[in-house]
C-alpha atoms as a PDB file:
ATOM      1  CA  MET A   1       6.116   1.081   4.219  1.00  0.00           C
ATOM      2  CA  LYS A   2       8.106  -2.025   3.444  1.00  0.00           C
ATOM      3  CA  ILE A   3       6.339  -5.342   2.997  1.00  0.00           C
ATOM      4  CA  ARG A   4       8.533  -8.004   4.538  1.00  0.00           C
ATOM      5  CA  SER A   5       6.685 -11.284   4.050  1.00  0.00           C
ATOM      6  CA  MET A   6       4.188 -13.014   1.825  1.00  0.00           C
ATOM      7  CA  ARG A   7       1.690 -12.892   4.702  1.00  0.00           C
ATOM      8  CA  GLU A   8       2.005  -9.105   4.899  1.00  0.00           C
ATOM      9  CA  LEU A   9       1.700  -8.905   1.103  1.00  0.00           C
ATOM     10  CA  ALA A  10      -1.508 -10.975   1.146  1.00  0.00           C
ATOM     11  CA  ALA A  11      -2.998  -8.873   3.971  1.00  0.00           C
ATOM     12  CA  PHE A  12      -2.134  -5.609   2.225  1.00  0.00           C
ATOM     13  CA  ASN A  13      -3.518  -6.874  -1.076  1.00  0.00           C
ATOM     14  CA  GLU A  14      -6.746  -7.936   0.670  1.00  0.00           C
ATOM     15  CA  MET A  15      -7.075  -4.477   2.210  1.00  0.00           C
ATOM     16  CA  LEU A  16      -6.595  -2.894  -1.243  1.00  0.00           C
ATOM     17  CA  ASN A  17      -9.420  -5.061  -2.583  1.00  0.00           C
ATOM     18  CA  ARG A  18     -11.738  -3.499   0.021  1.00  0.00           C
ATOM     19  CA  CYS A  19     -10.935   0.063  -1.076  1.00  0.00           C
ATOM     20  CA  CYS A  20     -13.689   1.757  -3.068  1.00  0.00           C
ATOM     21  CA  GLY A  21     -11.631   4.577  -4.582  1.00  0.00           C
ATOM     22  CA  GLN A  22      -8.171   5.280  -5.877  1.00  0.00           C
ATOM     23  CA  VAL A  23      -5.170   4.333  -3.736  1.00  0.00           C
ATOM     24  CA  TRP A  24      -1.667   4.968  -5.011  1.00  0.00           C
ATOM     25  CA  ILE A  25       1.967   5.089  -3.984  1.00  0.00           C
ATOM     26  CA  GLU A  26       4.340   7.831  -5.004  1.00  0.00           C
ATOM     27  CA  SER A  27       8.087   7.476  -5.378  1.00  0.00           C
ATOM     28  CA  PRO A  28      10.538  10.156  -4.228  1.00  0.00           C
ATOM     29  CA  ASP A  29      10.923  10.973  -7.938  1.00  0.00           C
ATOM     30  CA  GLY A  30       7.181  11.710  -8.232  1.00  0.00           C
ATOM     31  CA  GLU A  31       6.199   8.533 -10.090  1.00  0.00           C
ATOM     32  CA  LYS A  32       2.662   7.472  -9.110  1.00  0.00           C
ATOM     33  CA  LEU A  33       1.553   3.844  -9.193  1.00  0.00           C
ATOM     34  CA  ASP A  34      -2.175   3.189  -8.821  1.00  0.00           C
ATOM     35  CA  LEU A  35      -2.714   0.244  -6.475  1.00  0.00           C
ATOM     36  CA  THR A  36      -6.410  -0.065  -7.284  1.00  0.00           C
ATOM     37  CA  GLU A  37      -5.758  -0.857 -10.959  1.00  0.00           C
ATOM     38  CA  GLU A  38      -4.754  -4.459 -11.609  1.00  0.00           C
ATOM     39  CA  SER A  39      -2.463  -3.342 -14.434  1.00  0.00           C
ATOM     40  CA  THR A  40      -0.213  -1.336 -12.077  1.00  0.00           C
ATOM     41  CA  ARG A  41      -0.839  -3.051  -8.720  1.00  0.00           C
ATOM     42  CA  THR A  42       1.806  -5.712  -9.274  1.00  0.00           C
ATOM     43  CA  ARG A  43       4.414  -3.085 -10.088  1.00  0.00           C
ATOM     44  CA  GLY A  44       3.396  -1.040  -7.047  1.00  0.00           C
ATOM     45  CA  LEU A  45       3.511  -4.013  -4.707  1.00  0.00           C
ATOM     46  CA  SER A  46       6.928  -4.939  -6.115  1.00  0.00           C
ATOM     47  CA  ALA A  47       8.105  -1.443  -5.210  1.00  0.00           C
ATOM     48  CA  LEU A  48       6.879  -1.970  -1.638  1.00  0.00           C
ATOM     49  CA  LEU A  49       8.901  -5.177  -1.483  1.00  0.00           C
ATOM     50  CA  GLY A  50      12.070  -3.500  -2.772  1.00  0.00           C
ATOM     51  CA  GLU A  51      15.033  -1.811  -1.145  1.00  0.00           C
ATOM     52  CA  ARG A  52      13.594   1.699  -1.549  1.00  0.00           C
ATOM     53  CA  ALA A  53      10.131   0.807  -0.186  1.00  0.00           C
ATOM     54  CA  GLU A  54      10.475   3.119   2.832  1.00  0.00           C
ATOM     55  CA  GLU A  55      10.839   6.083   0.479  1.00  0.00           C
ATOM     56  CA  TYR A  56       7.369   5.692  -1.056  1.00  0.00           C
ATOM     57  CA  GLY A  57       4.343   7.585   0.187  1.00  0.00           C
ATOM     58  CA  ILE A  58       0.894   5.997   0.123  1.00  0.00           C
ATOM     59  CA  TYR A  59      -2.243   8.006  -0.560  1.00  0.00           C
ATOM     60  CA  ALA A  60      -5.999   7.510  -0.896  1.00  0.00           C
ATOM     61  CA  ARG A  61      -8.514   9.735  -2.623  1.00  0.00           C
ATOM     62  CA  SER A  62     -11.491   8.956  -0.355  1.00  0.00           C
ATOM     63  CA  ARG A  63     -11.829   9.378   3.396  1.00  0.00           C
ATOM     64  CA  GLU A  64     -13.161   5.803   3.712  1.00  0.00           C
ATOM     65  CA  ASP A  65     -10.055   4.401   2.044  1.00  0.00           C
ATOM     66  CA  GLU A  66      -7.831   6.580   4.229  1.00  0.00           C
ATOM     67  CA  MET A  67      -9.518   4.997   7.244  1.00  0.00           C
ATOM     68  CA  LEU A  68      -8.932   1.490   5.843  1.00  0.00           C
ATOM     69  CA  LEU A  69      -5.251   2.331   5.335  1.00  0.00           C
ATOM     70  CA  LEU A  70      -4.963   3.806   8.808  1.00  0.00           C
ATOM     71  CA  ASP A  71      -6.590   0.756  10.385  1.00  0.00           C
ATOM     72  CA  TYR A  72      -4.324  -1.546   8.393  1.00  0.00           C
ATOM     73  CA  PHE A  73      -1.177   0.343   9.394  1.00  0.00           C
ATOM     74  CA  CYS A  74      -2.155   0.502  13.071  1.00  0.00           C
ATOM     75  CA  THR A  75      -2.789  -3.243  13.084  1.00  0.00           C
ATOM     76  CA  TRP A  76       0.428  -3.881  11.140  1.00  0.00           C
ATOM     77  CA  VAL A  77       2.526  -1.806  13.582  1.00  0.00           C
ATOM     78  CA  ARG A  78       1.085  -3.669  16.587  1.00  0.00           C
ATOM     79  CA  LYS A  79       1.888  -7.031  14.986  1.00  0.00           C
ATOM     80  CA  THR A  80       5.477  -6.085  14.162  1.00  0.00           C
ATOM     81  CA  ALA A  81       6.239  -4.323  17.455  1.00  0.00           C
END
């Protein structure tokens, strides 16, 4: 997932604030960045703004957070299509 605008960044960040459990991205090299921790969120969001953003996987520990992510991505795809 590549974030392309400040509006997308704000919407994604807002969705992360609604998550109740751990959500993280993982680089192709296996580096994990926790998006629910303020200390690593900025670094993770920067990665999703970068050139290699499409190479990162995004994961959630809880089913509820997976559903939030799925809803966000479905809405995001419709808006960019």
